[in-house]
Protein backbone atom coordinates (compact mmCIF):
# COMPACT_ATOMS: atom_id res chain seq x y z
CA MET A 1 45.09 -14.08 88.51
CA GLY A 2 43.41 -15.52 91.16
CA ARG A 3 43.02 -19.19 91.15
CA LEU A 4 39.34 -20.31 91.80
CA PRO A 5 37.98 -23.86 93.31
CA GLY A 6 38.13 -26.58 90.84
CA GLY A 7 41.36 -24.92 88.80
CA GLY A 8 39.75 -22.02 87.22
CA TYR A 9 41.38 -18.31 87.06
CA ARG A 10 39.71 -15.08 87.67
CA ARG A 11 41.05 -11.36 87.30
CA ARG A 12 42.25 -10.06 90.37
CA GLY A 13 39.82 -7.50 91.01
CA ALA A 14 37.01 -8.63 89.13
CA ASP A 15 33.70 -7.19 89.84
CA ARG A 16 31.61 -10.04 89.97
CA ARG A 17 28.78 -7.92 91.61
CA SER A 18 28.09 -6.92 87.49
CA GLY A 19 28.96 -10.35 86.44
CA GLY A 20 32.55 -9.54 86.19
CA ARG A 21 32.05 -6.73 83.90
CA THR A 22 34.30 -3.46 84.71
CA GLN A 23 32.01 -1.79 82.28
CA GLY A 24 28.86 -2.22 84.47
CA ARG A 25 30.49 -0.69 87.39
CA PHE A 26 31.57 2.39 85.40
CA VAL A 27 28.75 2.96 84.48
CA GLU A 28 26.57 2.13 87.24
CA LEU A 29 29.28 4.99 89.21
CA LEU A 30 30.84 7.19 86.66
CA PRO A 31 27.71 8.96 85.39
CA ASN A 32 25.94 9.67 88.87
CA ARG A 33 29.48 11.01 90.53
CA LEU A 34 30.60 13.18 87.91
CA ASP A 35 26.89 15.04 87.58
CA ALA A 36 27.11 15.31 91.58
CA LEU A 37 30.44 17.20 91.20
CA ILE A 38 29.21 19.27 88.39
CA ARG A 39 26.42 20.21 90.80
CA ARG A 40 28.78 20.93 93.65
CA HIS A 41 30.63 23.13 91.06
CA ASN A 42 27.73 24.99 90.04
CA ALA A 43 25.80 25.55 92.97
CA VAL A 44 28.38 28.32 94.03
CA ARG A 45 28.55 29.80 90.43
CA SER A 46 27.04 32.50 88.42
CA GLU A 47 25.17 31.22 85.54
CA THR A 48 27.56 32.03 82.95
CA ARG A 49 30.22 30.05 84.91
CA ARG A 50 28.32 26.50 85.40
CA LEU A 51 29.66 23.51 83.58
CA ARG A 52 27.25 21.84 81.24
CA LEU A 53 28.41 18.64 80.17
CA ARG A 54 27.82 15.98 77.33
CA MET A 55 29.65 12.74 77.66
CA ALA A 56 28.91 9.64 75.18
CA LEU A 57 29.74 6.02 76.20
CA HIS A 58 30.46 3.30 73.07
CA ALA A 59 32.94 0.45 72.62
CA GLY A 60 35.05 -0.14 69.45
CA GLU A 61 38.30 -1.11 67.88
CA LEU A 62 40.51 2.14 68.12
CA LEU A 63 43.63 2.37 65.90
CA LEU A 64 46.76 4.95 67.14
CA ASP A 65 48.85 6.36 64.42
CA LYS A 66 50.99 9.02 64.60
CA HIS A 67 48.28 12.03 64.91
CA GLY A 68 46.25 10.24 67.99
CA VAL A 69 43.83 8.03 68.21
CA THR A 70 41.49 7.03 65.32
CA GLY A 71 39.00 4.86 63.76
CA SER A 72 35.17 4.35 62.97
CA SER A 73 34.29 4.11 66.74
CA VAL A 74 35.85 7.72 67.50
CA ASN A 75 33.92 9.01 64.66
CA PHE A 76 30.77 7.63 65.70
CA VAL A 77 30.93 8.39 69.71
CA PHE A 78 31.60 12.38 68.39
CA ARG A 79 28.60 12.01 65.81
CA LEU A 80 26.92 11.24 69.23
CA LEU A 81 28.25 13.76 71.34
CA ASP A 82 26.92 16.05 68.73
CA ALA A 83 23.12 14.57 68.20
CA ALA A 84 20.58 16.97 68.50
CA PRO A 85 18.12 14.68 70.85
CA LEU A 86 21.31 14.71 73.42
CA LYS A 87 21.89 18.52 73.04
CA HIS A 88 18.05 18.96 73.73
CA ALA A 89 17.80 16.73 76.91
CA LEU A 90 20.62 18.75 78.27
CA ALA A 91 19.30 22.02 77.54
CA GLY A 92 15.66 20.53 79.21
CA SER A 93 17.21 19.53 82.17
CA ASP A 94 18.42 21.57 85.51
CA GLY A 95 21.39 19.05 85.70
CA GLY A 96 24.99 19.77 84.45
CA LEU A 97 25.43 16.26 82.55
CA ALA A 98 23.93 14.39 79.49
CA LEU A 99 24.98 10.96 78.92
CA VAL A 100 23.96 9.06 75.74
CA VAL A 101 24.98 5.53 75.24
CA SER A 102 25.20 3.58 71.71
CA ASP A 103 22.51 1.14 71.24
CA TRP A 104 25.57 -1.54 71.67
CA PHE A 105 26.58 -0.36 74.90
CA TYR A 106 22.90 -0.03 76.34
CA GLU A 107 22.13 -3.77 75.22
CA GLU A 108 25.39 -5.29 76.21
CA VAL A 109 26.69 -3.14 79.27
CA VAL A 110 23.70 -0.82 80.63
CA ARG A 111 21.20 -3.39 80.54
CA ARG A 112 23.10 -5.96 82.22
CA ALA A 113 24.65 -3.26 84.83
CA GLU A 114 22.80 -4.43 88.21
CA ARG A 115 22.40 -0.38 89.59
CA VAL A 116 21.10 1.08 87.05
CA GLU A 117 17.43 2.36 86.95
CA LEU A 118 16.80 1.30 83.13
CA ALA A 119 13.59 3.69 83.18
CA SER A 120 15.89 6.43 83.44
CA TYR A 121 17.08 5.85 79.72
CA ARG A 122 14.86 7.16 77.16
CA PRO A 123 15.63 5.73 73.38
CA VAL A 124 16.73 8.11 70.80
CA HIS A 125 17.78 8.25 66.85
CA VAL A 126 20.46 9.97 66.07
CA SER A 127 20.66 11.28 62.15
CA ILE A 128 23.90 13.38 61.92
CA LYS A 129 26.09 13.58 58.88
CA GLU A 130 26.43 10.54 57.52
CA THR A 131 25.40 8.20 60.70
CA GLU A 132 21.68 7.02 61.40
CA ALA A 133 21.63 5.13 65.04
CA ASP A 134 19.89 4.43 67.51
CA ALA A 135 21.19 5.41 70.97
CA TRP A 136 20.25 6.21 74.62
CA VAL A 137 19.81 9.28 76.63
CA HIS A 138 20.47 9.57 80.45
CA ILE A 139 20.55 12.49 82.53
CA PRO A 140 21.46 11.70 85.92
CA GLY A 141 19.46 12.92 88.78
CA ASN A 142 16.61 13.99 86.56
CA ALA A 143 13.89 12.48 84.59
CA VAL A 144 14.64 12.47 80.78
CA PRO A 145 12.97 15.06 78.82
CA GLY A 146 10.77 14.16 76.31
């Protein structure tokens, strides 16, 4: 913790450019860097050896038990990963990464991040198993297919 003028404190390394929210920096940097690494890998691979990755971001409570991490948030993020709109977006792009974020994550993190092109996120509806939810799909480096 570092002392601020006026007697307040801030966490060392807090990212003030994203409102102090490390999640903002995470969503600003990770998808594009991961996509760049996948594209570099795929550029020298045959089509059958290329990577294609679906990624989901959400936030919520996790429970740790003797079997690992559990909880409704874990189940929800796996539903996002399996959602047809995400699979279709990846299949319709030339990239190697498709990102889906929950509506909550979009509203609380993505929209507040300074270096995110909001127009590159497309709203989708997820309907899988017992899950009905709104979410947002993003394909780094591409326009999101309609």
